[in-house]
Amino acid sequence: MWTAIAIIAVIFLYMVAVYNGLIARKNQAREAWATIDTQLKRRYDLIPNLVETVRGAAKHEKETLDAVIRARNNAMAANGPASGDKQNKLTETLKSLFAVAESYPDLKANQNFIELQRELTDTETKIQAARQFYNTVVMGLNTQIQQFPSNIVARMFNITEDKMFEIDEAEKVAPKVAF
């Protein structure tokens, strides 16, 4: 009788430990995504200032500037890891904004533009690092959910895998550099 109680207690304690580990990983994934959101918010706040600086120097580049603002608004409206496509579109339009800026020597020398560009570049680096950390955390969570015997506990408590942040196919193509 005591042996059966001991076995049940060990199984129960194991299930509690696995459950707590899964919940800790799930919360870590949420926190990692919140870090991405924080950096995206910083990016969204910088973009209007950068666009206005460019607009002052490049009035006839309205289409590019409008595309950046549209992409920013679409990206802001998207939520969660599934927003990757809209975030990638924003990254692409920012590249076109910087390409426009290259055509204007006065703008390239403008201290406000240089500082905004530096801050945006720093933010993009932080976003990439946060995405990488998020994917690492999600990989650990998903692996634990898939492995036996923790997969049984995950199924019992309806703990599901999270989606990793992925870039779209267009981003995977290396840019062409021509001189």
Foldseek 3Di string as FASTA:
>chain_A
DVVVVVVVVVVVVVLVVLVVVLVVLVVVLVVLQVQLVVLLVVLLVLLVLLLVLVCVQCVPVVVLSVQLVVLSVLLVPDDDLVSQASVVSNVVSVVVVVVSQVVGPVSVPDPSNVVSVVVNVVSVVSSVVSLVVSQVSLVVSQVQCPDPPSVVSCVVVVPDRDDRRDHDPVVVDDDDDDD
